[in-house]
């Protein structure tokens, strides 16, 4: 279980700029959670805190009763830019997810082949990332994350750059994989439909400094039917909740973007 208790986060730029304020959340094991809210409201920062890349300014984040203070292989994050190794093939990129495992070479090969099949990438195992479409790269990133068997998967707008049809295909693929091998998933998205299709619960964030404005429990049978009146009502309620938050200033968004850029640069160096 993941417990986020009274978590706030400030950055030094400028004048102790507050991004998150008093965030409280409890996420059950194997629950699929989506985070929605205005652009630049701190959803990604919360993922970094859960991953252990950053520490809260105040409050605590506990995973199975233990405070998170640093990254751990039990918690894997898939970044927006995917971070595939350009010099490695699809096979080698997925194999990298098993780098710290104790499996034999034969076992590792079997597991990689299984994930290649699961993601429909068998024919592309010898290709390098520059040869792949955006959607195929995303599938490689998901396979590399899942093969390491994390307990908690953090996904930061993984399908944002894809066309609507491929995005729809990949979210169905993700749901199928999650149902076959359940993990706790925290998924950041700007798409209400995507959140309603995937989530057990949806947390709507306010503008900066971000708070959890409202939580929606999605008690709909899978696969979700957008024509279901209950689905449509939830969509409308969530849409109205988010629309109220788009009056945050562009200046605050730009400040957060600069800070997030600094964080990413430090993580990559």
Protein backbone atom coordinates (compact mmCIF):
# COMPACT_ATOMS: atom_id res chain seq x y z
CA UNK A 1 0.00 0.00 0.00
CA UNK A 2 1.18 3.51 -0.84
CA UNK A 3 0.40 6.26 1.65
CA UNK A 4 0.99 9.93 0.86
CA UNK A 5 0.65 11.93 4.04
CA UNK A 6 0.42 15.74 4.10
CA UNK A 7 3.05 16.05 1.36
CA UNK A 8 4.15 19.48 0.16
CA UNK A 9 6.98 20.37 -2.20
CA UNK A 10 8.77 23.68 -2.69
CA UNK A 11 11.59 24.65 -5.01
CA UNK A 12 14.16 27.37 -4.41
CA UNK A 13 13.25 29.13 -7.66
CA UNK A 14 11.96 31.74 -7.13
CA UNK A 15 11.28 32.55 -3.50
CA UNK A 16 10.46 29.02 -2.31
CA UNK A 17 7.94 28.39 -5.07
CA UNK A 18 5.37 25.87 -3.80
CA UNK A 19 4.28 23.18 -6.28
CA UNK A 20 2.38 20.70 -4.10
CA UNK A 21 0.48 21.51 -0.92
CA UNK A 22 -0.82 19.05 1.65
CA UNK A 23 -1.33 16.06 -0.67
CA UNK A 24 -3.01 13.08 0.99
CA UNK A 25 -3.65 9.83 -0.87
CA UNK A 26 -3.89 6.12 -0.11
CA UNK A 27 -3.42 3.69 -2.99
CA UNK A 28 -4.18 0.01 -2.58
CA UNK A 29 -1.98 -2.76 -3.91
CA UNK A 30 -2.70 -3.51 -7.60
CA UNK A 31 -4.94 -0.45 -7.93
CA UNK A 32 -4.84 1.51 -11.20
CA UNK A 33 -4.87 5.22 -10.37
CA UNK A 34 -4.95 8.16 -12.79
CA UNK A 35 -3.95 11.74 -12.01
CA UNK A 36 -5.70 14.52 -13.91
CA UNK A 37 -5.35 18.28 -13.71
CA UNK A 38 -4.18 21.44 -15.49
CA UNK A 39 -0.88 21.42 -17.37
CA UNK A 40 2.03 22.23 -15.11
CA UNK A 41 0.17 21.64 -11.84
CA UNK A 42 2.73 19.25 -10.34
CA UNK A 43 1.43 15.79 -11.24
CA UNK A 44 4.83 14.74 -12.59
CA UNK A 45 6.56 16.15 -9.51
CA UNK A 46 4.41 13.85 -7.38
CA UNK A 47 5.58 10.87 -9.46
CA UNK A 48 9.21 11.91 -8.86
CA UNK A 49 8.53 12.01 -5.12
CA UNK A 50 6.95 8.55 -5.17
CA UNK A 51 9.85 7.22 -7.26
CA UNK A 52 12.33 8.65 -4.75
CA UNK A 53 14.05 10.99 -7.22
CA UNK A 54 12.99 13.93 -5.05
CA UNK A 55 12.14 14.26 -1.37
CA UNK A 56 9.12 16.13 0.01
CA UNK A 57 9.65 19.51 1.63
CA UNK A 58 7.22 18.34 4.30
CA UNK A 59 5.11 15.26 4.90
CA UNK A 60 5.89 11.61 4.22
CA UNK A 61 5.39 9.00 1.52
CA UNK A 62 5.23 5.43 2.81
CA UNK A 63 5.32 2.25 0.75
CA UNK A 64 4.24 -0.81 2.72
CA UNK A 65 4.89 1.14 5.90
CA UNK A 66 8.45 2.20 4.97
CA UNK A 67 9.22 5.84 4.18
CA UNK A 68 10.43 6.46 0.62
CA UNK A 69 13.74 8.32 0.64
CA UNK A 70 15.49 7.11 -2.54
CA UNK A 71 14.82 5.19 -5.77
CA UNK A 72 14.14 1.47 -5.57
CA UNK A 73 13.70 -1.24 -8.21
CA UNK A 74 10.28 -1.98 -6.71
CA UNK A 75 9.13 1.39 -8.08
CA UNK A 76 9.77 1.95 -11.80
CA UNK A 77 8.98 5.15 -13.70
CA UNK A 78 8.33 5.46 -17.43
CA UNK A 79 9.26 8.98 -18.54
CA UNK A 80 7.63 10.97 -21.32
CA UNK A 81 10.83 10.87 -23.40
CA UNK A 82 11.06 7.07 -22.91
CA UNK A 83 14.87 7.10 -22.35
CA UNK A 84 15.56 4.06 -24.56
CA UNK A 85 19.21 3.30 -25.25
CA UNK A 86 19.75 4.26 -28.92
CA UNK A 87 22.75 1.94 -29.31
CA UNK A 88 20.82 -1.10 -28.09
CA UNK A 89 18.34 -3.16 -30.10
CA UNK A 90 14.73 -3.67 -29.01
CA UNK A 91 15.76 -7.03 -27.54
CA UNK A 92 18.71 -5.50 -25.68
CA UNK A 93 16.64 -2.59 -24.35
CA UNK A 94 14.10 -4.98 -22.85
CA UNK A 95 16.86 -7.27 -21.57
CA UNK A 96 18.32 -4.29 -19.69
CA UNK A 97 15.31 -4.45 -17.36
CA UNK A 98 16.77 -7.72 -16.02
CA UNK A 99 20.28 -6.34 -15.46
CA UNK A 100 20.14 -6.63 -11.67
CA UNK A 101 18.22 -9.92 -11.57
CA UNK A 102 19.62 -13.30 -10.60
CA UNK A 103 18.08 -15.17 -13.53
CA UNK A 104 20.30 -17.29 -15.76
CA UNK A 105 21.01 -16.19 -19.34
CA UNK A 106 18.60 -18.86 -20.58
CA UNK A 107 15.83 -17.65 -18.27
CA UNK A 108 16.42 -14.04 -19.29
CA UNK A 109 16.19 -14.92 -22.97
CA UNK A 110 12.92 -16.76 -22.39
CA UNK A 111 11.45 -13.79 -20.49
CA UNK A 112 12.48 -11.26 -23.13
CA UNK A 113 10.97 -13.41 -25.88
CA UNK A 114 7.74 -13.63 -23.88
CA UNK A 115 7.54 -9.84 -23.57
CA UNK A 116 8.40 -9.35 -27.23
CA UNK A 117 5.44 -11.61 -28.04
CA UNK A 118 3.17 -9.94 -25.48
CA UNK A 119 3.87 -6.49 -26.97
CA UNK A 120 3.76 -7.66 -30.60
CA UNK A 121 7.43 -6.82 -31.16
CA UNK A 122 8.83 -10.21 -32.24
CA UNK A 123 9.60 -9.04 -35.78
CA UNK A 124 11.43 -5.95 -34.52
CA UNK A 125 13.72 -7.48 -31.90
CA UNK A 126 16.88 -6.56 -33.87
CA UNK A 127 15.78 -3.03 -34.68
CA UNK A 128 17.24 0.05 -32.99
CA UNK A 129 15.03 2.79 -31.48
CA UNK A 130 15.57 5.24 -34.35
CA UNK A 131 13.93 2.73 -36.69
CA UNK A 132 10.72 2.51 -34.60
CA UNK A 133 7.53 4.55 -34.57
CA UNK A 134 6.57 6.46 -31.44
CA UNK A 135 4.05 3.81 -30.48
CA UNK A 136 6.55 0.98 -30.90
CA UNK A 137 9.09 2.83 -28.77
CA UNK A 138 6.44 3.17 -26.09
CA UNK A 139 5.80 -0.57 -26.17
CA UNK A 140 9.53 -1.24 -25.72
CA UNK A 141 9.64 1.14 -22.73
CA UNK A 142 6.62 -0.56 -21.13
CA UNK A 143 8.08 -4.04 -21.74
CA UNK A 144 11.43 -3.01 -20.23
CA UNK A 145 9.66 -1.67 -17.15
CA UNK A 146 7.36 -4.67 -16.71
CA UNK A 147 10.00 -7.35 -17.22
CA UNK A 148 11.78 -6.19 -14.06
CA UNK A 149 8.57 -7.10 -12.20
CA UNK A 150 8.11 -3.85 -10.26
CA UNK A 151 5.48 -3.65 -7.58
CA UNK A 152 4.64 -0.07 -8.49
CA UNK A 153 4.66 1.39 -12.02
CA UNK A 154 4.70 5.17 -12.46
CA UNK A 155 3.69 6.38 -15.93
CA UNK A 156 4.06 10.03 -16.94
CA UNK A 157 1.75 10.75 -19.91
CA UNK A 158 3.17 7.77 -21.81
CA UNK A 159 0.84 8.07 -24.82
CA UNK A 160 0.68 11.88 -25.10
CA UNK A 161 2.66 12.17 -28.35
CA UNK A 162 0.74 9.47 -30.23
CA UNK A 163 -2.12 9.78 -32.69
CA UNK A 164 -5.60 9.03 -31.28
CA UNK A 165 -6.00 5.60 -32.87
CA UNK A 166 -2.62 4.27 -31.76
CA UNK A 167 -3.18 5.80 -28.33
CA UNK A 168 -6.46 3.89 -28.09
CA UNK A 169 -4.73 0.67 -29.16
CA UNK A 170 -1.95 1.04 -26.59
CA UNK A 171 -4.26 1.80 -23.68
CA UNK A 172 -6.23 -1.38 -24.50
CA UNK A 173 -2.92 -3.23 -24.64
CA UNK A 174 -1.86 -1.77 -21.29
CA UNK A 175 -5.16 -2.68 -19.65
CA UNK A 176 -4.85 -6.26 -20.96
CA UNK A 177 -1.31 -6.60 -19.59
CA UNK A 178 -2.33 -5.10 -16.25
CA UNK A 179 -5.21 -7.56 -15.94
CA UNK A 180 -2.94 -10.52 -16.72
CA UNK A 181 -0.18 -9.36 -14.37
CA UNK A 182 -1.65 -6.82 -11.93
CA UNK A 183 0.62 -4.07 -10.63
CA UNK A 184 -0.04 -0.92 -8.73
CA UNK A 185 -0.08 1.75 -11.44
CA UNK A 186 -0.10 5.54 -11.11
CA UNK A 187 -0.76 7.07 -14.51
CA UNK A 188 -0.59 10.78 -15.35
CA UNK A 189 -2.74 11.87 -18.29
CA UNK A 190 -4.60 14.87 -19.66
CA UNK A 191 -7.24 12.69 -21.30
CA UNK A 192 -10.42 12.18 -19.32
CA UNK A 193 -11.43 9.32 -21.61
CA UNK A 194 -8.08 7.63 -21.09
CA UNK A 195 -8.43 7.96 -17.32
CA UNK A 196 -12.00 6.64 -17.34
CA UNK A 197 -11.00 3.71 -19.52
CA UNK A 198 -8.08 2.65 -17.32
CA UNK A 199 -8.57 3.77 -13.75
CA UNK A 200 -10.05 2.32 -10.60
CA UNK A 201 -9.85 5.83 -9.16
CA UNK A 202 -9.09 9.28 -10.53
CA UNK A 203 -7.57 12.14 -8.52
CA UNK A 204 -8.21 15.61 -9.93
CA UNK A 205 -5.54 18.17 -9.05
CA UNK A 206 -6.11 21.87 -8.56
CA UNK A 207 -3.95 24.63 -10.03
CA UNK A 208 -0.71 25.66 -8.33
CA UNK A 209 0.05 25.04 -5.57
CA UNK A 210 -1.59 21.75 -6.36
CA UNK A 211 -3.99 20.07 -3.99
CA UNK A 212 -6.26 17.11 -4.60
CA UNK A 213 -9.48 18.82 -5.50
CA UNK A 214 -11.64 15.72 -5.89
CA UNK A 215 -11.37 11.95 -6.10
CA UNK A 216 -13.63 9.84 -8.31
CA UNK A 217 -14.06 6.12 -7.72
CA UNK A 218 -14.70 4.40 -11.06
CA UNK A 219 -17.07 1.53 -10.36
CA UNK A 220 -17.65 0.49 -13.97
CA UNK A 221 -17.26 -2.95 -15.51
CA UNK A 222 -14.28 -3.55 -17.82
CA UNK A 223 -13.95 -2.96 -20.68
CA UNK A 224 -15.48 0.45 -20.20
CA UNK A 225 -18.28 1.56 -22.51
CA UNK A 226 -18.22 5.30 -23.37
CA UNK A 227 -21.94 5.07 -24.24
CA UNK A 228 -22.84 3.94 -20.72
CA UNK A 229 -24.83 6.80 -19.08
CA UNK A 230 -22.75 6.39 -15.92
CA UNK A 231 -19.55 6.80 -17.94
CA UNK A 232 -20.92 9.91 -19.59
CA UNK A 233 -21.96 11.42 -16.26
CA UNK A 234 -18.53 10.78 -14.78
CA UNK A 235 -16.93 12.36 -17.85
CA UNK A 236 -19.04 15.48 -17.45
CA UNK A 237 -18.39 15.74 -13.71
CA UNK A 238 -14.63 15.34 -14.16
CA UNK A 239 -14.56 17.78 -17.07
CA UNK A 240 -16.33 20.42 -15.00
CA UNK A 241 -14.00 19.85 -12.06
CA UNK A 242 -10.89 20.32 -14.24
CA UNK A 243 -12.28 23.31 -16.17
CA UNK A 244 -12.51 25.33 -12.97
CA UNK A 245 -8.74 25.03 -12.52
CA UNK A 246 -7.59 26.48 -15.84
CA UNK A 247 -7.48 30.01 -14.50
CA UNK A 248 -3.97 29.45 -13.06
CA UNK A 249 -1.49 31.95 -14.48
CA UNK A 250 0.87 31.14 -17.34
CA UNK A 251 3.67 32.60 -15.23
CA UNK A 252 3.26 29.87 -12.62
CA UNK A 253 3.22 27.18 -15.29
CA UNK A 254 6.43 28.51 -16.81
CA UNK A 255 8.12 28.59 -13.41
CA UNK A 256 7.24 24.95 -12.83
CA UNK A 257 8.42 24.01 -16.33
CA UNK A 258 11.80 25.60 -15.63
CA UNK A 259 12.10 23.79 -12.32
CA UNK A 260 11.09 20.45 -13.81
CA UNK A 261 13.65 20.94 -16.58
CA UNK A 262 16.36 21.47 -13.94
CA UNK A 263 15.30 18.28 -12.14
CA UNK A 264 15.38 16.23 -15.34
CA UNK A 265 18.81 17.54 -16.28
CA UNK A 266 20.19 16.55 -12.88
CA UNK A 267 18.69 13.06 -13.16
CA UNK A 268 20.27 12.55 -16.59
CA UNK A 269 23.77 13.76 -15.55
